Amino acid sequence: MSNEKGDVETLRPFLESADEIQHILDNEKKWPIRSWRIGERRDKPGETELMFWVKRGSGYSKDGYEEEVRLWIKQSGDGWSLKTYNAIY
């Protein structure tokens, strides 16, 4: 995830198309996640989809609105790793 310093480049390997990469990285810089809570979890063998409700900074969530962020993680070796990241703005 992006950190307090705005290091959104860590998301790049988990985005699929060039359009998606530019769209998500630009929006993550513009409206960084300030808080999040889990909304949904779907488990499959060796894979899990997590949906979070997030509040964003820079005035995006000024009215308390939450938006969706989805993470797909997969089991690899002895642990889990991020497979895909997606967000709604």
C-alpha atoms as a PDB file:
ATOM      1  CA  MET A   1       0.000   0.000   0.000  1.00  0.00           C
ATOM      2  CA  SER A   2       1.014   3.570  -0.271  1.00  0.00           C
ATOM      3  CA  ASN A   3       2.656   4.970   2.823  1.00  0.00           C
ATOM      4  CA  GLU A   4       2.566   8.358   4.533  1.00  0.00           C
ATOM      5  CA  LYS A   5       5.266   9.642   2.200  1.00  0.00           C
ATOM      6  CA  GLY A   6       3.167   8.827  -0.879  1.00  0.00           C
ATOM      7  CA  ASP A   7       5.207   5.895  -2.182  1.00  0.00           C
ATOM      8  CA  VAL A   8       2.508   4.673  -4.554  1.00  0.00           C
ATOM      9  CA  GLU A   9       5.063   3.098  -6.912  1.00  0.00           C
ATOM     10  CA  THR A  10       4.956  -0.027  -4.736  1.00  0.00           C
ATOM     11  CA  LEU A  11       1.550  -0.724  -6.338  1.00  0.00           C
ATOM     12  CA  ARG A  12       2.835  -0.724  -9.946  1.00  0.00           C
ATOM     13  CA  PRO A  13       3.653  -4.480 -10.165  1.00  0.00           C
ATOM     14  CA  PHE A  14       0.110  -5.320  -9.034  1.00  0.00           C
ATOM     15  CA  LEU A  15      -1.737  -3.319 -11.702  1.00  0.00           C
ATOM     16  CA  GLU A  16      -2.655  -4.875 -15.005  1.00  0.00           C
ATOM     17  CA  SER A  17      -2.876  -2.414 -17.928  1.00  0.00           C
ATOM     18  CA  ALA A  18      -1.008   0.792 -18.781  1.00  0.00           C
ATOM     19  CA  ASP A  19      -4.235   2.822 -18.463  1.00  0.00           C
ATOM     20  CA  GLU A  20      -4.986   1.268 -15.074  1.00  0.00           C
ATOM     21  CA  ILE A  21      -1.433   1.892 -13.859  1.00  0.00           C
ATOM     22  CA  GLN A  22      -1.554   5.599 -14.679  1.00  0.00           C
ATOM     23  CA  HIS A  23      -5.116   6.058 -13.379  1.00  0.00           C
ATOM     24  CA  ILE A  24      -4.551   4.323 -10.044  1.00  0.00           C
ATOM     25  CA  LEU A  25      -1.088   5.743  -9.341  1.00  0.00           C
ATOM     26  CA  ASP A  26      -2.252   9.298 -10.111  1.00  0.00           C
ATOM     27  CA  ASN A  27      -5.338   8.944  -7.902  1.00  0.00           C
ATOM     28  CA  GLU A  28      -3.445   7.296  -5.034  1.00  0.00           C
ATOM     29  CA  LYS A  29      -1.051  10.274  -5.026  1.00  0.00           C
ATOM     30  CA  LYS A  30      -3.910  12.762  -5.207  1.00  0.00           C
ATOM     31  CA  TRP A  31      -6.168  11.079  -2.599  1.00  0.00           C
ATOM     32  CA  PRO A  32      -4.066   8.959  -0.208  1.00  0.00           C
ATOM     33  CA  ILE A  33      -5.795   6.428   2.033  1.00  0.00           C
ATOM     34  CA  ARG A  34      -6.182   7.796   5.561  1.00  0.00           C
ATOM     35  CA  SER A  35      -8.191   4.972   7.151  1.00  0.00           C
ATOM     36  CA  TRP A  36      -9.630   1.641   6.157  1.00  0.00           C
ATOM     37  CA  ARG A  37     -11.827  -1.151   7.431  1.00  0.00           C
ATOM     38  CA  ILE A  38     -12.498  -4.586   6.024  1.00  0.00           C
ATOM     39  CA  GLY A  39     -15.771  -4.950   4.183  1.00  0.00           C
ATOM     40  CA  GLU A  40     -15.663  -8.414   2.664  1.00  0.00           C
ATOM     41  CA  ARG A  41     -13.490 -11.496   2.360  1.00  0.00           C
ATOM     42  CA  ARG A  42     -13.750 -14.345  -0.154  1.00  0.00           C
ATOM     43  CA  ASP A  43     -11.534 -17.382   0.194  1.00  0.00           C
ATOM     44  CA  LYS A  44     -10.605 -19.845  -2.557  1.00  0.00           C
ATOM     45  CA  PRO A  45      -7.960 -22.551  -2.387  1.00  0.00           C
ATOM     46  CA  GLY A  46      -4.610 -20.741  -2.245  1.00  0.00           C
ATOM     47  CA  GLU A  47      -6.166 -17.331  -2.879  1.00  0.00           C
ATOM     48  CA  THR A  48      -8.168 -14.671  -1.002  1.00  0.00           C
ATOM     49  CA  GLU A  49      -9.964 -11.531  -2.147  1.00  0.00           C
ATOM     50  CA  LEU A  50     -10.210  -8.744   0.427  1.00  0.00           C
ATOM     51  CA  MET A  51     -12.426  -5.687   0.022  1.00  0.00           C
ATOM     52  CA  PHE A  52     -11.782  -2.654   2.225  1.00  0.00           C
ATOM     53  CA  TRP A  53     -13.811   0.507   2.721  1.00  0.00           C
ATOM     54  CA  VAL A  54     -11.368   3.418   2.736  1.00  0.00           C
ATOM     55  CA  LYS A  55     -11.459   7.101   3.600  1.00  0.00           C
ATOM     56  CA  ARG A  56      -9.103   9.268   1.578  1.00  0.00           C
ATOM     57  CA  GLY A  57      -7.290  12.508   2.281  1.00  0.00           C
ATOM     58  CA  SER A  58      -6.951  15.794   0.386  1.00  0.00           C
ATOM     59  CA  GLY A  59     -10.660  16.550   0.741  1.00  0.00           C
ATOM     60  CA  TYR A  60     -11.882  13.401  -1.031  1.00  0.00           C
ATOM     61  CA  SER A  61     -13.729  11.963   1.992  1.00  0.00           C
ATOM     62  CA  LYS A  62     -14.698  15.302   3.539  1.00  0.00           C
ATOM     63  CA  ASP A  63     -18.357  14.227   3.764  1.00  0.00           C
ATOM     64  CA  GLY A  64     -17.401  10.894   5.357  1.00  0.00           C
ATOM     65  CA  TYR A  65     -17.719   8.912   2.144  1.00  0.00           C
ATOM     66  CA  GLU A  66     -15.898   5.625   1.856  1.00  0.00           C
ATOM     67  CA  GLU A  67     -14.745   3.991  -1.352  1.00  0.00           C
ATOM     68  CA  GLU A  68     -13.803   0.449  -2.263  1.00  0.00           C
ATOM     69  CA  VAL A  69     -10.305  -1.014  -2.494  1.00  0.00           C
ATOM     70  CA  ARG A  70      -9.789  -4.668  -3.418  1.00  0.00           C
ATOM     71  CA  LEU A  71      -6.730  -6.812  -2.841  1.00  0.00           C
ATOM     72  CA  TRP A  72      -6.238 -10.280  -4.263  1.00  0.00           C
ATOM     73  CA  ILE A  73      -3.612 -12.237  -2.367  1.00  0.00           C
ATOM     74  CA  LYS A  74      -2.216 -15.685  -3.151  1.00  0.00           C
ATOM     75  CA  GLN A  75      -0.421 -18.287  -1.170  1.00  0.00           C
ATOM     76  CA  SER A  76       3.204 -18.640  -2.194  1.00  0.00           C
ATOM     77  CA  GLY A  77       5.709 -20.817  -0.402  1.00  0.00           C
ATOM     78  CA  ASP A  78       5.346 -20.374   3.347  1.00  0.00           C
ATOM     79  CA  GLY A  79       3.353 -17.131   3.170  1.00  0.00           C
ATOM     80  CA  TRP A  80       1.011 -14.904   1.231  1.00  0.00           C
ATOM     81  CA  SER A  81       1.740 -12.229  -1.374  1.00  0.00           C
ATOM     82  CA  LEU A  82      -0.245  -9.544  -3.133  1.00  0.00           C
ATOM     83  CA  LYS A  83      -1.423 -10.566  -6.591  1.00  0.00           C
ATOM     84  CA  THR A  84      -3.620  -7.621  -7.707  1.00  0.00           C
ATOM     85  CA  TYR A  85      -4.731  -4.209  -6.382  1.00  0.00           C
ATOM     86  CA  ASN A  86      -7.786  -2.272  -7.540  1.00  0.00           C
ATOM     87  CA  ALA A  87      -9.559   0.845  -6.275  1.00  0.00           C
ATOM     88  CA  ILE A  88     -12.644   2.915  -7.022  1.00  0.00           C
ATOM     89  CA  TYR A  89     -12.315   6.703  -6.967  1.00  0.00           C
END
